Amino acid sequence: MKLLGISGGVSQKTFVAIEKALDFAYQYDNSINIEVISIGELDIQFCDGRDPAKYEGDAKLIIDKIIAADALIFGTPMYRGSYTGLLKNVFDLIPNDALMGKPVGLIATGGSDHHYLALEHELKPLLGFFLAHAIPGSVYANNDHYSNRDLVSQEVLDRLRELAESIVNFARILPEDKTSLVGARGPAIGRKPLLKKAS
């Protein structure tokens, strides 16, 4: 099983939280492969509506990694009550079936707990569009849970462990054909070809 963590910004605190969750997953089952990527360190093109297979460079890298993953953890710092534009761009780039039937955990970080419900009201519905299995419990950490950029809150660490173990357990019980448990699909909406610029 491949468990991929994606840190959706430049926040070191978010990256640390995802990394700890992945470590907990590996401690729980050391047969899985774990990897974490910080998209803030990549040079990802902005989505322009083309077929996802036609992107190159870091955009292709992140698309291919997400498609190849069996389960994922997305993490984001919260800005203005929402997830980052960098993470939104990744969701815009990937094929509509890239997350279909896959278990996905969510982590967010913020200066305070003020925007913790954005996980429920913004990111979980987005996962629903992709027909992913959003793990019911999410993890939110604020600045008080860190010391010198290290996550020190035992409460948050315990929740990260619970999230990680739930993802592994969920992935284990899924049938090989993950599409058999996704429910009704949305209408087929193809990508339109790019308009040519007037010369």
N, C-alpha and C. Protein backbone atom coordinates (compact mmCIF):
# COMPACT_ATOMS: atom_id res chain seq x y z
N MET A 1 0.84 -1.19 0.00
CA MET A 1 0.00 0.00 0.00
C MET A 1 0.87 1.24 0.00
N LYS A 2 0.51 2.20 -0.83
CA LYS A 2 1.21 3.48 -0.89
C LYS A 2 0.36 4.55 -0.22
N LEU A 3 0.90 5.13 0.84
CA LEU A 3 0.22 6.22 1.55
C LEU A 3 0.99 7.50 1.29
N LEU A 4 0.34 8.44 0.63
CA LEU A 4 0.99 9.69 0.22
C LEU A 4 0.45 10.84 1.05
N GLY A 5 1.36 11.64 1.61
CA GLY A 5 0.99 12.86 2.31
C GLY A 5 1.33 14.06 1.46
N ILE A 6 0.41 14.99 1.35
CA ILE A 6 0.64 16.20 0.56
C ILE A 6 0.42 17.42 1.45
N SER A 7 1.47 18.19 1.62
CA SER A 7 1.39 19.43 2.39
C SER A 7 1.08 20.56 1.42
N GLY A 8 -0.08 21.19 1.62
CA GLY A 8 -0.60 22.11 0.63
C GLY A 8 -0.20 23.56 0.82
N GLY A 9 1.05 23.81 1.14
CA GLY A 9 1.49 25.19 1.29
C GLY A 9 2.95 25.25 1.67
N VAL A 10 3.35 26.35 2.26
CA VAL A 10 4.75 26.54 2.65
C VAL A 10 4.92 26.45 4.17
N SER A 11 3.85 26.13 4.88
CA SER A 11 3.91 26.07 6.34
C SER A 11 4.66 24.84 6.82
N GLN A 12 5.73 25.05 7.58
CA GLN A 12 6.47 23.95 8.15
C GLN A 12 5.63 23.20 9.17
N LYS A 13 4.75 23.89 9.85
CA LYS A 13 3.91 23.25 10.87
C LYS A 13 2.98 22.21 10.24
N THR A 14 2.42 22.54 9.10
CA THR A 14 1.56 21.59 8.40
C THR A 14 2.36 20.37 7.97
N PHE A 15 3.53 20.62 7.41
CA PHE A 15 4.40 19.52 6.96
C PHE A 15 4.73 18.59 8.12
N VAL A 16 5.07 19.16 9.27
CA VAL A 16 5.42 18.36 10.45
C VAL A 16 4.24 17.49 10.87
N ALA A 17 3.03 18.05 10.87
CA ALA A 17 1.85 17.28 11.27
C ALA A 17 1.62 16.10 10.33
N ILE A 18 1.75 16.33 9.03
CA ILE A 18 1.56 15.25 8.06
C ILE A 18 2.64 14.19 8.24
N GLU A 19 3.88 14.65 8.41
CA GLU A 19 4.99 13.72 8.59
C GLU A 19 4.78 12.82 9.81
N LYS A 20 4.29 13.41 10.88
CA LYS A 20 4.04 12.60 12.09
C LYS A 20 2.92 11.60 11.85
N ALA A 21 1.88 12.00 11.14
CA ALA A 21 0.80 11.07 10.83
C ALA A 21 1.32 9.90 9.99
N LEU A 22 2.16 10.19 9.01
CA LEU A 22 2.72 9.13 8.19
C LEU A 22 3.61 8.20 9.02
N ASP A 23 4.37 8.77 9.93
CA ASP A 23 5.20 7.95 10.82
C ASP A 23 4.33 7.01 11.66
N PHE A 24 3.21 7.54 12.16
CA PHE A 24 2.31 6.70 12.95
C PHE A 24 1.74 5.57 12.09
N ALA A 25 1.42 5.88 10.84
CA ALA A 25 0.89 4.85 9.94
C ALA A 25 1.93 3.75 9.72
N TYR A 26 3.18 4.15 9.56
CA TYR A 26 4.24 3.17 9.33
C TYR A 26 4.50 2.34 10.59
N GLN A 27 4.43 2.97 11.76
CA GLN A 27 4.58 2.22 13.01
C GLN A 27 3.47 1.18 13.14
N TYR A 28 2.30 1.52 12.68
CA TYR A 28 1.14 0.64 12.77
C TYR A 28 1.25 -0.53 11.78
N ASP A 29 1.80 -0.25 10.60
CA ASP A 29 1.95 -1.28 9.57
C ASP A 29 3.19 -0.96 8.74
N ASN A 30 4.30 -1.61 9.08
CA ASN A 30 5.55 -1.26 8.39
C ASN A 30 5.69 -1.91 7.01
N SER A 31 4.60 -2.50 6.53
CA SER A 31 4.63 -3.02 5.16
C SER A 31 4.21 -1.95 4.14
N ILE A 32 3.70 -0.82 4.64
CA ILE A 32 3.24 0.21 3.71
C ILE A 32 4.40 1.12 3.30
N ASN A 33 4.23 1.75 2.15
CA ASN A 33 5.20 2.74 1.67
C ASN A 33 4.63 4.12 1.96
N ILE A 34 5.42 4.97 2.61
CA ILE A 34 4.96 6.32 2.93
C ILE A 34 5.84 7.35 2.23
N GLU A 35 5.23 8.46 1.88
CA GLU A 35 5.96 9.57 1.25
C GLU A 35 5.20 10.85 1.54
N VAL A 36 5.94 11.92 1.79
CA VAL A 36 5.31 13.22 1.97
C VAL A 36 5.91 14.20 0.98
N ILE A 37 5.06 15.02 0.39
CA ILE A 37 5.48 16.02 -0.58
C ILE A 37 4.96 17.37 -0.13
N SER A 38 5.81 18.37 -0.16
CA SER A 38 5.40 19.74 0.10
C SER A 38 5.26 20.45 -1.24
N ILE A 39 4.03 20.77 -1.62
CA ILE A 39 3.84 21.38 -2.93
C ILE A 39 4.38 22.81 -2.98
N GLY A 40 4.62 23.40 -1.80
CA GLY A 40 5.24 24.72 -1.77
C GLY A 40 6.67 24.71 -2.26
N GLU A 41 7.28 23.54 -2.31
CA GLU A 41 8.66 23.42 -2.78
C GLU A 41 8.74 23.03 -4.25
N LEU A 42 7.60 22.83 -4.88
CA LEU A 42 7.57 22.43 -6.29
C LEU A 42 7.21 23.62 -7.18
N ASP A 43 7.56 23.50 -8.44
CA ASP A 43 7.21 24.51 -9.43
C ASP A 43 6.07 23.95 -10.28
N ILE A 44 4.85 24.07 -9.75
CA ILE A 44 3.69 23.47 -10.39
C ILE A 44 2.97 24.50 -11.23
N GLN A 45 2.71 24.16 -12.49
CA GLN A 45 1.99 25.05 -13.39
C GLN A 45 0.57 25.28 -12.87
N PHE A 46 0.01 26.43 -13.19
CA PHE A 46 -1.39 26.67 -12.89
C PHE A 46 -2.26 25.87 -13.85
N CYS A 47 -3.36 25.37 -13.35
CA CYS A 47 -4.29 24.63 -14.19
C CYS A 47 -4.85 25.57 -15.26
N ASP A 48 -4.85 25.09 -16.50
CA ASP A 48 -5.41 25.90 -17.58
C ASP A 48 -6.47 25.13 -18.36
N GLY A 49 -6.94 24.02 -17.78
CA GLY A 49 -8.04 23.28 -18.39
C GLY A 49 -7.64 22.19 -19.35
N ARG A 50 -6.35 22.01 -19.61
CA ARG A 50 -5.94 20.97 -20.54
C ARG A 50 -6.11 19.58 -19.91
N ASP A 51 -6.03 18.56 -20.73
CA ASP A 51 -6.07 17.18 -20.26
C ASP A 51 -4.94 17.00 -19.25
N PRO A 52 -5.22 16.42 -18.07
CA PRO A 52 -4.16 16.25 -17.06
C PRO A 52 -2.94 15.50 -17.57
N ALA A 53 -3.12 14.62 -18.56
CA ALA A 53 -2.00 13.85 -19.10
C ALA A 53 -1.02 14.72 -19.88
N LYS A 54 -1.40 15.94 -20.19
CA LYS A 54 -0.54 16.80 -21.02
C LYS A 54 0.35 17.74 -20.21
N TYR A 55 0.23 17.70 -18.87
CA TYR A 55 1.10 18.54 -18.06
C TYR A 55 2.49 17.91 -17.96
N GLU A 56 3.47 18.75 -17.69
CA GLU A 56 4.86 18.29 -17.60
C GLU A 56 5.47 18.77 -16.30
N GLY A 57 6.72 18.37 -16.06
CA GLY A 57 7.48 18.84 -14.91
C GLY A 57 6.85 18.46 -13.59
N ASP A 58 6.87 19.41 -12.64
CA ASP A 58 6.35 19.13 -11.29
C ASP A 58 4.84 18.91 -11.29
N ALA A 59 4.13 19.52 -12.23
CA ALA A 59 2.69 19.27 -12.32
C ALA A 59 2.43 17.81 -12.65
N LYS A 60 3.17 17.27 -13.60
CA LYS A 60 3.04 15.85 -13.95
C LYS A 60 3.45 14.98 -12.77
N LEU A 61 4.51 15.38 -12.07
CA LEU A 61 4.97 14.61 -10.92
C LEU A 61 3.87 14.46 -9.88
N ILE A 62 3.23 15.56 -9.51
CA ILE A 62 2.22 15.50 -8.45
C ILE A 62 0.98 14.76 -8.93
N ILE A 63 0.60 14.94 -10.18
CA ILE A 63 -0.53 14.19 -10.73
C ILE A 63 -0.25 12.69 -10.68
N ASP A 64 0.93 12.29 -11.15
CA ASP A 64 1.27 10.87 -11.18
C ASP A 64 1.34 10.26 -9.78
N LYS A 65 1.88 11.02 -8.82
CA LYS A 65 1.99 10.52 -7.44
C LYS A 65 0.60 10.30 -6.83
N ILE A 66 -0.31 11.23 -7.08
CA ILE A 66 -1.66 11.10 -6.53
C ILE A 66 -2.38 9.91 -7.17
N ILE A 67 -2.25 9.75 -8.47
CA ILE A 67 -2.89 8.62 -9.15
C ILE A 67 -2.36 7.30 -8.63
N ALA A 68 -1.05 7.22 -8.37
CA ALA A 68 -0.41 5.97 -7.94
C ALA A 68 -0.70 5.63 -6.48
N ALA A 69 -1.10 6.60 -5.67
CA ALA A 69 -1.31 6.36 -4.24
C ALA A 69 -2.57 5.53 -4.01
N ASP A 70 -2.51 4.69 -2.98
CA ASP A 70 -3.67 3.91 -2.57
C ASP A 70 -4.50 4.65 -1.52
N ALA A 71 -3.84 5.52 -0.78
CA ALA A 71 -4.50 6.31 0.27
C ALA A 71 -3.69 7.59 0.41
N LEU A 72 -4.35 8.65 0.89
CA LEU A 72 -3.68 9.95 0.96
C LEU A 72 -4.04 10.69 2.23
N ILE A 73 -3.14 11.60 2.60
CA ILE A 73 -3.41 12.59 3.63
C ILE A 73 -3.11 13.95 3.01
N PHE A 74 -4.11 14.81 2.98
CA PHE A 74 -3.91 16.19 2.54
C PHE A 74 -3.87 17.08 3.77
N GLY A 75 -2.90 17.97 3.79
CA GLY A 75 -2.80 18.93 4.87
C GLY A 75 -2.68 20.33 4.32
N THR A 76 -3.21 21.30 5.06
CA THR A 76 -3.15 22.68 4.60
C THR A 76 -3.14 23.64 5.78
N PRO A 77 -2.37 24.71 5.68
CA PRO A 77 -2.59 25.81 6.61
C PRO A 77 -3.87 26.53 6.21
N MET A 78 -4.54 27.11 7.17
CA MET A 78 -5.76 27.85 6.89
C MET A 78 -5.45 29.34 6.77
N TYR A 79 -5.83 29.91 5.64
CA TYR A 79 -5.69 31.34 5.42
C TYR A 79 -7.05 31.90 5.02
N ARG A 80 -7.46 33.00 5.64
CA ARG A 80 -8.74 33.63 5.33
C ARG A 80 -9.89 32.62 5.42
N GLY A 81 -9.77 31.68 6.35
CA GLY A 81 -10.83 30.73 6.58
C GLY A 81 -10.94 29.63 5.55
N SER A 82 -9.86 29.41 4.77
CA SER A 82 -9.94 28.41 3.71
C SER A 82 -8.58 27.75 3.49
N TYR A 83 -8.58 26.72 2.69
CA TYR A 83 -7.33 26.06 2.32
C TYR A 83 -6.58 26.90 1.29
N THR A 84 -5.34 26.55 1.04
CA THR A 84 -4.48 27.40 0.23
C THR A 84 -4.81 27.33 -1.26
N GLY A 85 -4.41 28.38 -1.96
CA GLY A 85 -4.52 28.39 -3.41
C GLY A 85 -3.64 27.34 -4.05
N LEU A 86 -2.49 27.06 -3.44
CA LEU A 86 -1.60 26.02 -3.96
C LEU A 86 -2.29 24.67 -3.97
N LEU A 87 -3.00 24.36 -2.88
CA LEU A 87 -3.70 23.08 -2.81
C LEU A 87 -4.88 23.06 -3.77
N LYS A 88 -5.60 24.17 -3.86
CA LYS A 88 -6.71 24.25 -4.82
C LYS A 88 -6.23 23.97 -6.23
N ASN A 89 -5.06 24.49 -6.59
CA ASN A 89 -4.52 24.26 -7.92
C ASN A 89 -4.25 22.78 -8.17
N VAL A 90 -3.76 22.07 -7.15
CA VAL A 90 -3.52 20.64 -7.30
C VAL A 90 -4.84 19.91 -7.57
N PHE A 91 -5.88 20.26 -6.82
CA PHE A 91 -7.18 19.63 -7.05
C PHE A 91 -7.72 19.97 -8.44
N ASP A 92 -7.38 21.14 -8.95
CA ASP A 92 -7.81 21.51 -10.30
C ASP A 92 -7.05 20.73 -11.37
N LEU A 93 -5.81 20.35 -11.08
CA LEU A 93 -4.97 19.67 -12.05
C LEU A 93 -5.30 18.20 -12.22
N ILE A 94 -5.64 17.52 -11.15
CA ILE A 94 -5.74 16.06 -11.19
C ILE A 94 -6.98 15.60 -11.96
N PRO A 95 -6.91 14.42 -12.56
CA PRO A 95 -8.09 13.87 -13.24
C PRO A 95 -9.24 13.67 -12.26
N ASN A 96 -10.46 13.68 -12.76
CA ASN A 96 -11.63 13.54 -11.90
C ASN A 96 -11.67 12.22 -11.15
N ASP A 97 -11.02 11.19 -11.69
CA ASP A 97 -11.04 9.89 -11.02
C ASP A 97 -9.76 9.58 -10.24
N ALA A 98 -8.92 10.58 -10.03
CA ALA A 98 -7.62 10.35 -9.38
C ALA A 98 -7.75 9.89 -7.93
N LEU A 99 -8.83 10.28 -7.26
CA LEU A 99 -9.04 9.92 -5.85
C LEU A 99 -10.19 8.93 -5.68
N MET A 100 -10.77 8.49 -6.76
CA MET A 100 -11.98 7.68 -6.69
C MET A 100 -11.78 6.41 -5.86
N GLY A 101 -12.60 6.25 -4.82
CA GLY A 101 -12.56 5.05 -4.00
C GLY A 101 -11.41 4.97 -3.03
N LYS A 102 -10.61 6.01 -2.93
CA LYS A 102 -9.44 5.98 -2.05
C LYS A 102 -9.76 6.64 -0.70
N PRO A 103 -9.24 6.07 0.39
CA PRO A 103 -9.40 6.74 1.68
C PRO A 103 -8.49 7.96 1.77
N VAL A 104 -9.03 9.06 2.26
CA VAL A 104 -8.27 10.31 2.35
C VAL A 104 -8.48 10.92 3.73
N GLY A 105 -7.37 11.22 4.40
CA GLY A 105 -7.40 11.91 5.68
C GLY A 105 -7.07 13.37 5.50
N LEU A 106 -7.57 14.20 6.41
CA LEU A 106 -7.37 15.64 6.32
C LEU A 106 -6.76 16.20 7.60
N ILE A 107 -5.81 17.11 7.39
CA ILE A 107 -5.13 17.80 8.49
C ILE A 107 -5.09 19.28 8.13
N ALA A 108 -5.32 20.14 9.11
CA ALA A 108 -5.17 21.57 8.89
C ALA A 108 -4.47 22.20 10.09
N THR A 109 -3.80 23.30 9.83
CA THR A 109 -3.13 24.06 10.88
C THR A 109 -3.54 25.51 10.77
N GLY A 110 -3.53 26.19 11.89
CA GLY A 110 -3.90 27.61 11.89
C GLY A 110 -3.38 28.31 13.12
N GLY A 111 -3.43 29.62 13.10
CA GLY A 111 -2.97 30.40 14.23
C GLY A 111 -3.81 30.16 15.48
N SER A 112 -5.09 29.89 15.28
CA SER A 112 -6.00 29.57 16.37
C SER A 112 -6.96 28.51 15.87
N ASP A 113 -7.94 28.15 16.69
CA ASP A 113 -8.94 27.17 16.27
C ASP A 113 -10.10 27.80 15.50
N HIS A 114 -9.97 29.06 15.16
CA HIS A 114 -11.07 29.83 14.59
C HIS A 114 -11.66 29.20 13.33
N HIS A 115 -10.83 28.55 12.50
CA HIS A 115 -11.31 28.06 11.21
C HIS A 115 -11.28 26.55 11.09
N TYR A 116 -11.34 25.85 12.21
CA TYR A 116 -11.23 24.40 12.13
C TYR A 116 -12.38 23.75 11.37
N LEU A 117 -13.54 24.38 11.33
CA LEU A 117 -14.68 23.78 10.63
C LEU A 117 -14.55 23.86 9.11
N ALA A 118 -13.55 24.58 8.62
CA ALA A 118 -13.33 24.61 7.17
C ALA A 118 -13.01 23.21 6.65
N LEU A 119 -12.44 22.37 7.49
CA LEU A 119 -12.19 20.98 7.08
C LEU A 119 -13.50 20.30 6.71
N GLU A 120 -14.53 20.54 7.52
CA GLU A 120 -15.82 19.89 7.30
C GLU A 120 -16.62 20.53 6.17
N HIS A 121 -16.53 21.85 6.06
CA HIS A 121 -17.40 22.57 5.13
C HIS A 121 -16.78 22.84 3.77
N GLU A 122 -15.47 22.71 3.65
CA GLU A 122 -14.83 22.99 2.37
C GLU A 122 -14.10 21.78 1.79
N LEU A 123 -13.25 21.16 2.59
CA LEU A 123 -12.44 20.07 2.03
C LEU A 123 -13.20 18.75 1.91
N LYS A 124 -14.04 18.42 2.87
CA LYS A 124 -14.77 17.15 2.76
C LYS A 124 -15.75 17.14 1.58
N PRO A 125 -16.49 18.23 1.33
CA PRO A 125 -17.32 18.23 0.12
C PRO A 125 -16.50 18.12 -1.16
N LEU A 126 -15.31 18.70 -1.17
CA LEU A 126 -14.44 18.58 -2.34
C LEU A 126 -14.04 17.13 -2.57
N LEU A 127 -13.72 16.41 -1.48
CA LEU A 127 -13.40 14.99 -1.61
C LEU A 127 -14.62 14.21 -2.12
N GLY A 128 -15.80 14.66 -1.72
CA GLY A 128 -17.02 14.02 -2.21
C GLY A 128 -17.14 14.15 -3.72
N PHE A 129 -16.78 15.30 -4.27
CA PHE A 129 -16.80 15.47 -5.72
C PHE A 129 -15.91 14.44 -6.41
N PHE A 130 -14.75 14.17 -5.80
CA PHE A 130 -13.80 13.22 -6.39
C PHE A 130 -14.14 11.76 -6.06
N LEU A 131 -15.26 11.52 -5.36
CA LEU A 131 -15.69 10.18 -4.98
C LEU A 131 -14.65 9.46 -4.12
N ALA A 132 -13.95 10.23 -3.30
CA ALA A 132 -13.00 9.66 -2.34
C ALA A 132 -13.74 9.36 -1.04
N HIS A 133 -13.16 8.48 -0.24
CA HIS A 133 -13.71 8.18 1.09
C HIS A 133 -13.03 9.09 2.11
N ALA A 134 -13.69 10.16 2.49
CA ALA A 134 -13.13 11.07 3.49
C ALA A 134 -13.22 10.40 4.85
N ILE A 135 -12.07 10.21 5.50
CA ILE A 135 -12.07 9.64 6.84
C ILE A 135 -12.84 10.60 7.75
N PRO A 136 -13.82 10.11 8.52
CA PRO A 136 -14.71 11.01 9.28
C PRO A 136 -14.00 11.98 10.21
N GLY A 137 -13.00 11.55 10.94
CA GLY A 137 -12.32 12.45 11.87
C GLY A 137 -11.13 13.13 11.22
N SER A 138 -11.05 14.44 11.36
CA SER A 138 -9.91 15.20 10.84
C SER A 138 -9.08 15.72 12.01
N VAL A 139 -7.92 16.27 11.71
CA VAL A 139 -7.04 16.81 12.76
C VAL A 139 -6.74 18.27 12.47
N TYR A 140 -6.92 19.10 13.49
CA TYR A 140 -6.61 20.53 13.38
C TYR A 140 -5.63 20.88 14.51
N ALA A 141 -4.56 21.56 14.16
CA ALA A 141 -3.57 21.98 15.15
C ALA A 141 -3.36 23.48 15.06
N ASN A 142 -3.27 24.13 16.22
CA ASN A 142 -3.01 25.57 16.21
C ASN A 142 -1.61 25.87 16.74
N ASN A 143 -1.23 27.13 16.73
CA ASN A 143 0.13 27.52 17.10
C ASN A 143 0.52 27.08 18.51
N ASP A 144 -0.45 27.01 19.41
CA ASP A 144 -0.14 26.62 20.79
C ASP A 144 0.25 25.14 20.91
N HIS A 145 -0.01 24.38 19.87
CA HIS A 145 0.34 22.95 19.89
C HIS A 145 1.78 22.68 19.48
N TYR A 146 2.52 23.75 19.15
CA TYR A 146 3.89 23.62 18.67
C TYR A 146 4.87 24.33 19.61
N SER A 147 6.10 23.85 19.60
CA SER A 147 7.19 24.52 20.29
C SER A 147 8.42 24.40 19.40
N ASN A 148 8.99 25.54 19.03
CA ASN A 148 10.14 25.54 18.12
C ASN A 148 9.87 24.72 16.87
N ARG A 149 8.67 24.90 16.31
CA ARG A 149 8.22 24.25 15.07
C ARG A 149 7.99 22.75 15.21
N ASP A 150 8.12 22.22 16.41
CA ASP A 150 7.84 20.80 16.62
C ASP A 150 6.47 20.66 17.27
N LEU A 151 5.73 19.67 16.85
CA LEU A 151 4.40 19.42 17.39
C LEU A 151 4.55 18.71 18.73
N VAL A 152 4.10 19.37 19.80
CA VAL A 152 4.34 18.85 21.15
C VAL A 152 3.05 18.50 21.89
N SER A 153 1.90 18.85 21.36
CA SER A 153 0.63 18.56 22.03
C SER A 153 0.33 17.07 21.96
N GLN A 154 0.25 16.43 23.11
CA GLN A 154 -0.05 15.00 23.12
C GLN A 154 -1.45 14.73 22.59
N GLU A 155 -2.36 15.64 22.86
CA GLU A 155 -3.73 15.47 22.35
C GLU A 155 -3.75 15.43 20.82
N VAL A 156 -3.03 16.35 20.19
CA VAL A 156 -2.99 16.39 18.73
C VAL A 156 -2.24 15.17 18.20
N LEU A 157 -1.15 14.80 18.85
CA LEU A 157 -0.40 13.62 18.43
C LEU A 157 -1.28 12.37 18.49
N ASP A 158 -2.08 12.26 19.54
CA ASP A 158 -2.99 11.11 19.66
C ASP A 158 -4.00 11.09 18.52
N ARG A 159 -4.51 12.27 18.16
CA ARG A 159 -5.48 12.34 17.06
C ARG A 159 -4.82 12.00 15.73
N LEU A 160 -3.58 12.43 15.55
CA LEU A 160 -2.86 12.08 14.32
C LEU A 160 -2.66 10.57 14.22
N ARG A 161 -2.37 9.94 15.35
CA ARG A 161 -2.22 8.48 15.36
C ARG A 161 -3.55 7.80 15.00
N GLU A 162 -4.64 8.30 15.58
CA GLU A 162 -5.96 7.72 15.28
C GLU A 162 -6.29 7.88 13.79
N LEU A 163 -6.01 9.06 13.24
CA LEU A 163 -6.26 9.29 11.83
C LEU A 163 -5.45 8.34 10.97
N ALA A 164 -4.16 8.21 11.28
CA ALA A 164 -3.27 7.36 10.49
C ALA A 164 -3.72 5.91 10.52
N GLU A 165 -4.05 5.41 11.70
CA GLU A 165 -4.46 4.02 11.82
C GLU A 165 -5.79 3.78 11.13
N SER A 166 -6.69 4.76 11.18
CA SER A 166 -7.97 4.62 10.49
C SER A 166 -7.79 4.52 8.98
N ILE A 167 -6.89 5.33 8.44
CA ILE A 167 -6.63 5.29 7.00
C ILE A 167 -6.10 3.93 6.59
N VAL A 168 -5.13 3.42 7.36
CA VAL A 168 -4.56 2.11 7.05
C VAL A 168 -5.64 1.03 7.13
N ASN A 169 -6.44 1.05 8.18
CA ASN A 169 -7.50 0.05 8.35
C ASN A 169 -8.53 0.14 7.22
N PHE A 170 -8.90 1.36 6.85
CA PHE A 170 -9.88 1.55 5.79
C PHE A 170 -9.33 1.01 4.47
N ALA A 171 -8.08 1.33 4.17
CA ALA A 171 -7.47 0.87 2.92
C ALA A 171 -7.39 -0.66 2.87
N ARG A 172 -7.16 -1.28 4.00
CA ARG A 172 -7.05 -2.75 4.06
C ARG A 172 -8.35 -3.44 3.69
N ILE A 173 -9.48 -2.87 4.07
CA ILE A 173 -10.76 -3.57 3.86
C ILE A 173 -11.42 -3.22 2.54
N LEU A 174 -10.86 -2.29 1.79
CA LEU A 174 -11.45 -1.94 0.50
C LEU A 174 -11.25 -3.08 -0.49
N PRO A 175 -12.24 -3.33 -1.33
CA PRO A 175 -12.04 -4.36 -2.37
C PRO A 175 -11.03 -3.88 -3.40
N GLU A 176 -10.53 -4.83 -4.17
CA GLU A 176 -9.56 -4.47 -5.21
C GLU A 176 -10.17 -3.48 -6.19
N ASP A 177 -11.43 -3.69 -6.53
CA ASP A 177 -12.13 -2.74 -7.39
C ASP A 177 -12.74 -1.64 -6.51
N LYS A 178 -11.97 -0.59 -6.28
CA LYS A 178 -12.41 0.48 -5.39
C LYS A 178 -13.64 1.22 -5.91
N THR A 179 -13.89 1.14 -7.22
CA THR A 179 -15.02 1.87 -7.78
C THR A 179 -16.36 1.24 -7.41
N SER A 180 -16.34 0.03 -6.83
CA SER A 180 -17.60 -0.63 -6.49
C SER A 180 -18.26 -0.03 -5.25
N LEU A 181 -17.56 0.86 -4.55
CA LEU A 181 -18.11 1.43 -3.31
C LEU A 181 -18.20 2.96 -3.34
N VAL A 182 -18.27 3.54 -4.52
CA VAL A 182 -18.24 5.00 -4.58
C VAL A 182 -19.63 5.62 -4.76
N GLY A 183 -20.63 4.83 -4.97
CA GLY A 183 -21.96 5.38 -5.14
C GLY A 183 -22.17 5.93 -6.54
N ALA A 184 -23.19 6.79 -6.66
CA ALA A 184 -23.54 7.33 -7.97
C ALA A 184 -22.52 8.37 -8.42
N ARG A 185 -22.17 8.29 -9.68
CA ARG A 185 -21.23 9.27 -10.25
C ARG A 185 -21.99 10.49 -10.74
N GLY A 186 -21.27 11.58 -10.84
CA GLY A 186 -21.86 12.80 -11.35
C GLY A 186 -22.01 12.75 -12.86
N PRO A 187 -22.56 13.79 -13.47
CA PRO A 187 -22.70 13.81 -14.92
C PRO A 187 -21.33 13.84 -15.59
N ALA A 188 -21.25 13.23 -16.76
CA ALA A 188 -19.98 13.22 -17.51
C ALA A 188 -19.76 14.61 -18.10
N ILE A 189 -18.70 15.25 -17.64
CA ILE A 189 -18.36 16.59 -18.13
C ILE A 189 -16.92 16.53 -18.63
N GLY A 190 -16.75 16.56 -19.93
CA GLY A 190 -15.41 16.48 -20.50
C GLY A 190 -14.69 17.80 -20.41
N ARG A 191 -13.39 17.73 -20.52
CA ARG A 191 -12.60 18.96 -20.55
C ARG A 191 -12.66 19.54 -21.95
N LYS A 192 -12.84 20.84 -22.02
CA LYS A 192 -12.93 21.51 -23.31
C LYS A 192 -11.53 21.82 -23.82
N PRO A 193 -11.33 21.78 -25.13
CA PRO A 193 -10.02 22.14 -25.67
C PRO A 193 -9.73 23.62 -25.40
N LEU A 194 -8.45 23.92 -25.26
CA LEU A 194 -8.06 25.31 -25.02
C LEU A 194 -8.37 26.17 -26.24
N LEU A 195 -8.82 27.36 -25.98
CA LEU A 195 -9.06 28.31 -27.06
C LEU A 195 -7.73 28.82 -27.59
N LYS A 196 -7.62 28.93 -28.88
CA LYS A 196 -6.39 29.47 -29.48
C LYS A 196 -6.41 30.99 -29.36
N LYS A 197 -5.25 31.54 -29.03
CA LYS A 197 -5.13 32.99 -28.93
C LYS A 197 -5.19 33.62 -30.31
N ALA A 198 -5.86 34.74 -30.37
CA ALA A 198 -5.92 35.46 -31.64
C ALA A 198 -4.55 36.01 -31.99
N SER A 199 -4.18 35.88 -33.25
CA SER A 199 -2.85 36.37 -33.66
C SER A 199 -2.92 37.80 -34.16
